[in-house]
Amino acid sequence: MPNSSTLVKKMLRLRPAAVPLVLLFALAAFSGCKGHAHISDSRLRPIQEIVDAQLPVGTTRARVELFLSSRGYPFETVGQDRKIVAVLRHIKEDTLEPVTGRVTFAFDARDRLTTYEIDAAPGSP
């Protein structure tokens, strides 16, 4: 990926009318690098942060399973072994509020993590 100074130099050579379009594409490209989760509720963000930090895109299925089992999170395989569904519980440090999310991890044909979705778990507040 080109560094930011290279992008700026290239933008300076563009016609003025093309600069906003280039900025829009650059913003879209960089915003896609932040994470790979889809969350349904902003209260689940602490769980997203944990998963993003511990299980980046490309993590092996075995590593995901080890992460879940070593922390006592229940999980099951669904969809012809291409997905794992787990229930993750976390206590928010600042408010001591419990957060529970149902996380669906999706894997490619090589058993590498491609994406995940987080929804509020049944029975959670």
C-alpha atoms as a PDB file:
ATOM      1  CA  MET A   1       0.000   0.000   0.000  1.00  0.00           C
ATOM      2  CA  PRO A   2       1.471   3.387  -0.900  1.00  0.00           C
ATOM      3  CA  ASN A   3       2.276   5.693   1.965  1.00  0.00           C
ATOM      4  CA  SER A   4       0.433   8.954   2.494  1.00  0.00           C
ATOM      5  CA  SER A   5       3.179  11.190   1.070  1.00  0.00           C
ATOM      6  CA  THR A   6       3.097   9.242  -2.204  1.00  0.00           C
ATOM      7  CA  LEU A   7      -0.674   9.690  -2.397  1.00  0.00           C
ATOM      8  CA  VAL A   8      -0.366  13.433  -1.744  1.00  0.00           C
ATOM      9  CA  LYS A   9       2.242  13.812  -4.493  1.00  0.00           C
ATOM     10  CA  LYS A  10       0.022  11.971  -6.959  1.00  0.00           C
ATOM     11  CA  MET A  11      -2.997  14.071  -5.966  1.00  0.00           C
ATOM     12  CA  LEU A  12      -1.078  17.286  -6.595  1.00  0.00           C
ATOM     13  CA  ARG A  13      -0.544  16.210 -10.198  1.00  0.00           C
ATOM     14  CA  LEU A  14      -4.275  15.634 -10.778  1.00  0.00           C
ATOM     15  CA  ARG A  15      -6.695  18.116 -12.235  1.00  0.00           C
ATOM     16  CA  PRO A  16      -8.513  20.068  -9.509  1.00  0.00           C
ATOM     17  CA  ALA A  17     -11.859  18.498 -10.429  1.00  0.00           C
ATOM     18  CA  ALA A  18     -10.492  14.982  -9.815  1.00  0.00           C
ATOM     19  CA  VAL A  19      -9.152  15.656  -6.301  1.00  0.00           C
ATOM     20  CA  PRO A  20     -12.499  15.205  -4.457  1.00  0.00           C
ATOM     21  CA  LEU A  21     -13.055  11.909  -6.243  1.00  0.00           C
ATOM     22  CA  VAL A  22      -9.589  10.654  -5.289  1.00  0.00           C
ATOM     23  CA  LEU A  23     -10.159  11.703  -1.682  1.00  0.00           C
ATOM     24  CA  LEU A  24     -13.438   9.802  -1.625  1.00  0.00           C
ATOM     25  CA  PHE A  25     -11.749   6.612  -2.885  1.00  0.00           C
ATOM     26  CA  ALA A  26      -8.876   7.014  -0.421  1.00  0.00           C
ATOM     27  CA  LEU A  27     -11.294   7.441   2.468  1.00  0.00           C
ATOM     28  CA  ALA A  28     -13.194   4.319   1.425  1.00  0.00           C
ATOM     29  CA  ALA A  29      -9.981   2.307   1.154  1.00  0.00           C
ATOM     30  CA  PHE A  30      -8.651   3.353   4.550  1.00  0.00           C
ATOM     31  CA  SER A  31     -11.974   2.948   6.328  1.00  0.00           C
ATOM     32  CA  GLY A  32     -12.115  -0.657   5.118  1.00  0.00           C
ATOM     33  CA  CYS A  33      -8.883  -1.428   6.966  1.00  0.00           C
ATOM     34  CA  LYS A  34     -10.309  -0.770  10.429  1.00  0.00           C
ATOM     35  CA  GLY A  35     -12.144  -4.005  11.064  1.00  0.00           C
ATOM     36  CA  HIS A  36     -14.128  -6.859   9.701  1.00  0.00           C
ATOM     37  CA  ALA A  37     -17.123  -6.940  11.977  1.00  0.00           C
ATOM     38  CA  HIS A  38     -20.737  -6.106  11.581  1.00  0.00           C
ATOM     39  CA  ILE A  39     -22.374  -5.183  14.888  1.00  0.00           C
ATOM     40  CA  SER A  40     -26.056  -4.670  15.443  1.00  0.00           C
ATOM     41  CA  ASP A  41     -25.772  -2.717  18.698  1.00  0.00           C
ATOM     42  CA  SER A  42     -23.180  -0.127  19.736  1.00  0.00           C
ATOM     43  CA  ARG A  43     -23.195  -1.557  23.284  1.00  0.00           C
ATOM     44  CA  LEU A  44     -21.428  -4.597  21.801  1.00  0.00           C
ATOM     45  CA  ARG A  45     -18.388  -2.537  20.781  1.00  0.00           C
ATOM     46  CA  PRO A  46     -16.232  -3.849  23.691  1.00  0.00           C
ATOM     47  CA  ILE A  47     -16.669  -7.370  22.325  1.00  0.00           C
ATOM     48  CA  GLN A  48     -15.779  -6.144  18.839  1.00  0.00           C
ATOM     49  CA  GLU A  49     -12.598  -4.550  20.217  1.00  0.00           C
ATOM     50  CA  ILE A  50     -11.567  -7.798  21.915  1.00  0.00           C
ATOM     51  CA  VAL A  51     -12.166  -9.878  18.807  1.00  0.00           C
ATOM     52  CA  ASP A  52     -10.430  -7.362  16.524  1.00  0.00           C
ATOM     53  CA  ALA A  53      -7.380  -7.329  18.809  1.00  0.00           C
ATOM     54  CA  GLN A  54      -7.147 -11.092  19.321  1.00  0.00           C
ATOM     55  CA  LEU A  55      -8.531 -12.567  16.090  1.00  0.00           C
ATOM     56  CA  PRO A  56      -7.612 -10.524  13.006  1.00  0.00           C
ATOM     57  CA  VAL A  57      -8.719 -11.478   9.502  1.00  0.00           C
ATOM     58  CA  GLY A  58      -6.746 -14.518   8.385  1.00  0.00           C
ATOM     59  CA  THR A  59      -6.619 -16.158  11.826  1.00  0.00           C
ATOM     60  CA  THR A  60      -6.880 -19.937  11.577  1.00  0.00           C
ATOM     61  CA  ARG A  61     -10.006 -21.732  12.674  1.00  0.00           C
ATOM     62  CA  ALA A  62      -7.944 -23.699  15.209  1.00  0.00           C
ATOM     63  CA  ARG A  63      -6.732 -20.429  16.771  1.00  0.00           C
ATOM     64  CA  VAL A  64     -10.301 -19.085  16.980  1.00  0.00           C
ATOM     65  CA  GLU A  65     -11.454 -22.292  18.665  1.00  0.00           C
ATOM     66  CA  LEU A  66      -8.519 -22.150  21.099  1.00  0.00           C
ATOM     67  CA  PHE A  67      -9.315 -18.515  21.911  1.00  0.00           C
ATOM     68  CA  LEU A  68     -12.949 -19.391  22.640  1.00  0.00           C
ATOM     69  CA  SER A  69     -12.361 -22.598  24.604  1.00  0.00           C
ATOM     70  CA  SER A  70      -9.510 -21.195  26.715  1.00  0.00           C
ATOM     71  CA  ARG A  71     -11.801 -18.396  27.896  1.00  0.00           C
ATOM     72  CA  GLY A  72     -14.760 -20.683  28.534  1.00  0.00           C
ATOM     73  CA  TYR A  73     -16.931 -19.231  25.771  1.00  0.00           C
ATOM     74  CA  PRO A  74     -19.447 -21.794  24.480  1.00  0.00           C
ATOM     75  CA  PHE A  75     -19.427 -22.285  20.711  1.00  0.00           C
ATOM     76  CA  GLU A  76     -20.764 -24.561  18.005  1.00  0.00           C
ATOM     77  CA  THR A  77     -20.094 -25.198  14.328  1.00  0.00           C
ATOM     78  CA  VAL A  78     -22.807 -24.363  11.799  1.00  0.00           C
ATOM     79  CA  GLY A  79     -23.179 -24.243   8.035  1.00  0.00           C
ATOM     80  CA  GLN A  80     -21.047 -27.166   6.855  1.00  0.00           C
ATOM     81  CA  ASP A  81     -18.057 -26.196   9.025  1.00  0.00           C
ATOM     82  CA  ARG A  82     -17.721 -22.717   7.483  1.00  0.00           C
ATOM     83  CA  LYS A  83     -19.053 -20.872  10.535  1.00  0.00           C
ATOM     84  CA  ILE A  84     -18.649 -20.930  14.289  1.00  0.00           C
ATOM     85  CA  VAL A  85     -21.232 -19.327  16.558  1.00  0.00           C
ATOM     86  CA  ALA A  86     -20.095 -18.344  20.055  1.00  0.00           C
ATOM     87  CA  VAL A  87     -21.483 -16.435  23.011  1.00  0.00           C
ATOM     88  CA  LEU A  88     -18.976 -13.947  24.437  1.00  0.00           C
ATOM     89  CA  ARG A  89     -19.471 -12.245  27.780  1.00  0.00           C
ATOM     90  CA  HIS A  90     -17.531  -9.207  28.893  1.00  0.00           C
ATOM     91  CA  ILE A  91     -17.683  -6.760  31.803  1.00  0.00           C
ATOM     92  CA  LYS A  92     -17.126  -3.162  30.716  1.00  0.00           C
ATOM     93  CA  GLU A  93     -14.346  -1.840  32.938  1.00  0.00           C
ATOM     94  CA  ASP A  94     -15.585   1.735  33.212  1.00  0.00           C
ATOM     95  CA  THR A  95     -19.210   0.954  34.176  1.00  0.00           C
ATOM     96  CA  LEU A  96     -18.974  -2.689  35.331  1.00  0.00           C
ATOM     97  CA  GLU A  97     -21.900  -3.349  33.001  1.00  0.00           C
ATOM     98  CA  PRO A  98     -22.072  -6.885  31.588  1.00  0.00           C
ATOM     99  CA  VAL A  99     -22.155  -7.188  27.804  1.00  0.00           C
ATOM    100  CA  THR A 100     -23.099 -10.430  26.056  1.00  0.00           C
ATOM    101  CA  GLY A 101     -22.845 -10.948  22.317  1.00  0.00           C
ATOM    102  CA  ARG A 102     -23.554 -13.768  19.905  1.00  0.00           C
ATOM    103  CA  VAL A 103     -20.616 -13.825  17.492  1.00  0.00           C
ATOM    104  CA  THR A 104     -20.763 -15.661  14.162  1.00  0.00           C
ATOM    105  CA  PHE A 105     -17.283 -16.267  12.729  1.00  0.00           C
ATOM    106  CA  ALA A 106     -17.053 -17.073   8.992  1.00  0.00           C
ATOM    107  CA  PHE A 107     -14.144 -18.973   7.424  1.00  0.00           C
ATOM    108  CA  ASP A 108     -12.907 -19.510   3.887  1.00  0.00           C
ATOM    109  CA  ALA A 109     -12.041 -22.848   2.241  1.00  0.00           C
ATOM    110  CA  ARG A 110      -8.573 -22.760   3.881  1.00  0.00           C
ATOM    111  CA  ASP A 111     -10.115 -22.378   7.361  1.00  0.00           C
ATOM    112  CA  ARG A 112      -9.021 -18.761   7.694  1.00  0.00           C
ATOM    113  CA  LEU A 113     -11.224 -16.152   9.356  1.00  0.00           C
ATOM    114  CA  THR A 114     -12.794 -13.835   6.781  1.00  0.00           C
ATOM    115  CA  THR A 115     -15.367 -11.886   8.806  1.00  0.00           C
ATOM    116  CA  TYR A 116     -17.636 -12.017  11.817  1.00  0.00           C
ATOM    117  CA  GLU A 117     -20.952 -10.560  12.976  1.00  0.00           C
ATOM    118  CA  ILE A 118     -21.965  -9.646  16.505  1.00  0.00           C
ATOM    119  CA  ASP A 119     -25.560  -9.541  17.688  1.00  0.00           C
ATOM    120  CA  ALA A 120     -27.054  -9.197  21.152  1.00  0.00           C
ATOM    121  CA  ALA A 121     -27.261 -12.638  22.723  1.00  0.00           C
ATOM    122  CA  PRO A 122     -30.682 -13.966  23.688  1.00  0.00           C
ATOM    123  CA  GLY A 123     -31.424 -13.117  27.305  1.00  0.00           C
ATOM    124  CA  SER A 124     -28.908 -10.267  27.470  1.00  0.00           C
ATOM    125  CA  PRO A 125     -30.059  -6.847  28.726  1.00  0.00           C
END
